[in-house]
C-alpha atoms as a PDB file:
ATOM      1  CA  MET A   1     -25.754  11.882  33.891  1.00  0.00           C
ATOM      2  CA  ASN A   2     -27.223  13.150  30.605  1.00  0.00           C
ATOM      3  CA  LEU A   3     -23.761  14.203  29.435  1.00  0.00           C
ATOM      4  CA  PHE A   4     -22.508  10.687  30.167  1.00  0.00           C
ATOM      5  CA  ARG A   5     -25.303   9.133  28.074  1.00  0.00           C
ATOM      6  CA  PHE A   6     -24.577  11.566  25.241  1.00  0.00           C
ATOM      7  CA  ILE A   7     -20.876  10.624  25.248  1.00  0.00           C
ATOM      8  CA  VAL A   8     -21.599   6.887  25.322  1.00  0.00           C
ATOM      9  CA  PHE A   9     -24.174   7.222  22.530  1.00  0.00           C
ATOM     10  CA  GLY A  10     -21.657   9.225  20.478  1.00  0.00           C
ATOM     11  CA  LEU A  11     -19.003   6.543  20.968  1.00  0.00           C
ATOM     12  CA  VAL A  12     -21.399   3.834  19.842  1.00  0.00           C
ATOM     13  CA  LEU A  13     -22.272   5.780  16.695  1.00  0.00           C
ATOM     14  CA  CYS A  14     -18.684   6.602  15.796  1.00  0.00           C
ATOM     15  CA  CYS A  15     -17.466   3.047  16.377  1.00  0.00           C
ATOM     16  CA  ALA A  16     -20.307   1.241  14.591  1.00  0.00           C
ATOM     17  CA  PRO A  17     -18.569   1.349  11.169  1.00  0.00           C
ATOM     18  CA  LEU A  18     -15.586  -0.500  12.652  1.00  0.00           C
ATOM     19  CA  ALA A  19     -17.716  -3.537  13.343  1.00  0.00           C
ATOM     20  CA  SER A  20     -18.899  -3.720   9.746  1.00  0.00           C
ATOM     21  CA  ALA A  21     -15.327  -3.263   8.460  1.00  0.00           C
ATOM     22  CA  ASN A  22     -14.292  -6.364  10.421  1.00  0.00           C
ATOM     23  CA  ALA A  23     -17.145  -8.398   8.936  1.00  0.00           C
ATOM     24  CA  GLU A  24     -15.289  -8.779   5.636  1.00  0.00           C
ATOM     25  CA  ILE A  25     -12.370 -10.610   7.276  1.00  0.00           C
ATOM     26  CA  PRO A  26     -13.178 -14.307   7.612  1.00  0.00           C
ATOM     27  CA  GLU A  27     -12.457 -16.310  10.750  1.00  0.00           C
ATOM     28  CA  LEU A  28      -8.812 -17.284  10.465  1.00  0.00           C
ATOM     29  CA  PRO A  29      -7.184 -19.689  10.147  1.00  0.00           C
ATOM     30  CA  VAL A  30      -9.885 -21.521   8.209  1.00  0.00           C
ATOM     31  CA  LYS A  31     -10.972 -24.578  10.197  1.00  0.00           C
ATOM     32  CA  GLY A  32      -9.838 -27.893   8.731  1.00  0.00           C
ATOM     33  CA  MET A  33      -7.858 -26.280   5.922  1.00  0.00           C
ATOM     34  CA  VAL A  34      -4.259 -25.237   5.395  1.00  0.00           C
ATOM     35  CA  THR A  35      -4.307 -21.437   5.499  1.00  0.00           C
ATOM     36  CA  MET A  36      -1.910 -18.778   4.271  1.00  0.00           C
ATOM     37  CA  ILE A  37      -2.540 -15.232   5.445  1.00  0.00           C
ATOM     38  CA  ASP A  38      -0.684 -12.442   3.660  1.00  0.00           C
ATOM     39  CA  LEU A  39      -0.714  -9.265   5.734  1.00  0.00           C
ATOM     40  CA  GLY A  40       0.271  -6.214   3.740  1.00  0.00           C
ATOM     41  CA  ALA A  41      -1.137  -3.085   2.165  1.00  0.00           C
ATOM     42  CA  GLU A  42      -2.530  -2.364  -1.272  1.00  0.00           C
ATOM     43  CA  SER A  43      -0.109   0.546  -1.679  1.00  0.00           C
ATOM     44  CA  CYS A  44       3.131  -1.186  -0.613  1.00  0.00           C
ATOM     45  CA  ILE A  45       5.386  -2.102  -3.565  1.00  0.00           C
ATOM     46  CA  PRO A  46       6.231  -5.719  -2.616  1.00  0.00           C
ATOM     47  CA  CYS A  47       2.567  -6.248  -1.693  1.00  0.00           C
ATOM     48  CA  LYS A  48       1.521  -4.991  -5.135  1.00  0.00           C
ATOM     49  CA  MET A  49       4.002  -7.423  -6.690  1.00  0.00           C
ATOM     50  CA  MET A  50       2.456 -10.287  -4.715  1.00  0.00           C
ATOM     51  CA  ALA A  51      -1.180  -9.414  -5.472  1.00  0.00           C
ATOM     52  CA  PRO A  52      -1.398 -11.264  -8.828  1.00  0.00           C
ATOM     53  CA  ILE A  53       0.410 -14.270  -7.328  1.00  0.00           C
ATOM     54  CA  LEU A  54      -2.092 -14.445  -4.473  1.00  0.00           C
ATOM     55  CA  LYS A  55      -5.031 -14.202  -6.896  1.00  0.00           C
ATOM     56  CA  GLU A  56      -3.603 -17.071  -8.968  1.00  0.00           C
ATOM     57  CA  LEU A  57      -2.994 -19.209  -5.880  1.00  0.00           C
ATOM     58  CA  GLU A  58      -6.444 -18.471  -4.517  1.00  0.00           C
ATOM     59  CA  LYS A  59      -7.979 -19.845  -7.742  1.00  0.00           C
ATOM     60  CA  GLU A  60      -5.553 -22.764  -8.105  1.00  0.00           C
ATOM     61  CA  TYR A  61      -5.996 -23.951  -4.514  1.00  0.00           C
ATOM     62  CA  GLU A  62      -9.713 -23.232  -4.118  1.00  0.00           C
ATOM     63  CA  GLY A  63     -11.239 -25.857  -1.844  1.00  0.00           C
ATOM     64  CA  ARG A  64      -7.808 -27.234  -0.883  1.00  0.00           C
ATOM     65  CA  ALA A  65      -6.112 -24.296   0.877  1.00  0.00           C
ATOM     66  CA  ALA A  66      -7.228 -20.866   2.011  1.00  0.00           C
ATOM     67  CA  ILE A  67      -5.193 -17.944   0.655  1.00  0.00           C
ATOM     68  CA  VAL A  68      -6.214 -14.694   2.377  1.00  0.00           C
ATOM     69  CA  PHE A  69      -4.931 -11.109   2.022  1.00  0.00           C
ATOM     70  CA  ILE A  70      -5.489  -8.568   4.790  1.00  0.00           C
ATOM     71  CA  ASP A  71      -4.683  -4.891   4.290  1.00  0.00           C
ATOM     72  CA  VAL A  72      -3.221  -3.881   7.643  1.00  0.00           C
ATOM     73  CA  TRP A  73      -3.508  -0.177   6.867  1.00  0.00           C
ATOM     74  CA  LYS A  74      -7.269  -0.603   6.541  1.00  0.00           C
ATOM     75  CA  HIS A  75      -7.452  -3.118   9.402  1.00  0.00           C
ATOM     76  CA  LYS A  76      -4.865  -1.941  11.934  1.00  0.00           C
ATOM     77  CA  GLU A  77      -6.257  -4.240  14.614  1.00  0.00           C
ATOM     78  CA  GLU A  78      -5.254  -7.243  12.484  1.00  0.00           C
ATOM     79  CA  ALA A  79      -1.611  -6.076  12.456  1.00  0.00           C
ATOM     80  CA  ARG A  80      -1.647  -6.035  16.263  1.00  0.00           C
ATOM     81  CA  LYS A  81      -3.508  -9.353  16.457  1.00  0.00           C
ATOM     82  CA  TYR A  82      -0.868 -11.132  14.370  1.00  0.00           C
ATOM     83  CA  GLY A  83       2.146  -9.233  15.761  1.00  0.00           C
ATOM     84  CA  ILE A  84       3.145  -7.742  12.413  1.00  0.00           C
ATOM     85  CA  ARG A  85       6.378  -5.721  12.376  1.00  0.00           C
ATOM     86  CA  GLY A  86       6.949  -5.481   8.631  1.00  0.00           C
ATOM     87  CA  ILE A  87       4.904  -5.957   5.477  1.00  0.00           C
ATOM     88  CA  PRO A  88       4.225  -8.065   3.645  1.00  0.00           C
ATOM     89  CA  THR A  89       4.197 -10.910   6.189  1.00  0.00           C
ATOM     90  CA  GLN A  90       2.954 -14.359   5.248  1.00  0.00           C
ATOM     91  CA  ILE A  91       1.730 -16.669   8.000  1.00  0.00           C
ATOM     92  CA  PHE A  92       1.109 -20.357   7.310  1.00  0.00           C
ATOM     93  CA  TYR A  93      -1.206 -22.589   9.349  1.00  0.00           C
ATOM     94  CA  ASP A  94      -1.672 -26.359   9.164  1.00  0.00           C
ATOM     95  CA  GLN A  95      -5.089 -28.039   8.975  1.00  0.00           C
ATOM     96  CA  GLU A  96      -5.405 -28.004  12.757  1.00  0.00           C
ATOM     97  CA  GLY A  97      -4.965 -24.219  12.822  1.00  0.00           C
ATOM     98  CA  LYS A  98      -1.452 -24.291  14.291  1.00  0.00           C
ATOM     99  CA  GLU A  99       0.952 -21.643  13.011  1.00  0.00           C
ATOM    100  CA  VAL A 100       3.800 -23.479  11.298  1.00  0.00           C
ATOM    101  CA  GLY A 101       5.745 -20.675   9.638  1.00  0.00           C
ATOM    102  CA  ARG A 102       6.174 -16.988   8.890  1.00  0.00           C
ATOM    103  CA  HIS A 103       7.965 -15.055   6.191  1.00  0.00           C
ATOM    104  CA  VAL A 104       8.512 -11.298   6.000  1.00  0.00           C
ATOM    105  CA  GLY A 105       8.956  -9.620   2.617  1.00  0.00           C
ATOM    106  CA  PHE A 106       8.129 -10.542  -0.957  1.00  0.00           C
ATOM    107  CA  MET A 107       7.516 -14.265  -1.434  1.00  0.00           C
ATOM    108  CA  ASP A 108       7.452 -15.712  -4.933  1.00  0.00           C
ATOM    109  CA  LYS A 109       4.881 -18.217  -6.150  1.00  0.00           C
ATOM    110  CA  LYS A 110       7.245 -21.209  -6.138  1.00  0.00           C
ATOM    111  CA  SER A 111       8.212 -20.596  -2.514  1.00  0.00           C
ATOM    112  CA  ILE A 112       4.566 -20.360  -1.453  1.00  0.00           C
ATOM    113  CA  VAL A 113       3.681 -23.527  -3.389  1.00  0.00           C
ATOM    114  CA  ASP A 114       6.628 -25.329  -1.739  1.00  0.00           C
ATOM    115  CA  VAL A 115       5.305 -24.456   1.727  1.00  0.00           C
ATOM    116  CA  LEU A 116       1.772 -25.513   0.790  1.00  0.00           C
ATOM    117  CA  LYS A 117       3.158 -28.867  -0.476  1.00  0.00           C
ATOM    118  CA  GLN A 118       5.111 -29.336   2.768  1.00  0.00           C
ATOM    119  CA  LEU A 119       1.797 -28.874   4.578  1.00  0.00           C
ATOM    120  CA  GLY A 120       0.224 -31.647   2.504  1.00  0.00           C
ATOM    121  CA  VAL A 121      -1.634 -29.583  -0.089  1.00  0.00           C
ATOM    122  CA  GLU A 122      -1.426 -31.013  -3.600  1.00  0.00           C
END
């Protein structure tokens, strides 16, 4: 019985950092707001090409649409959660939180803006 307690205690200690790593990912999609989630990795080439675009869009659409990047190499559970098979993958949600579209691969700014406009974001 003592060995069992030791193993359980060890598992709790080793897994505790995972809980804090998940704390930085907001609840998605954002309630009441059009949301775009870009799932990629900081070291993937097309993801690196999209990074400045996402930063621009995040600023331009602040308060009107949520633009969120998730590094799936740092947060593997998120890749499983969203069924990611290739990166980068962009997932778009309407204001009600319903998934309305996906795109795999590099997506330029104009294409992202077009989707946001189709979802009613000006």
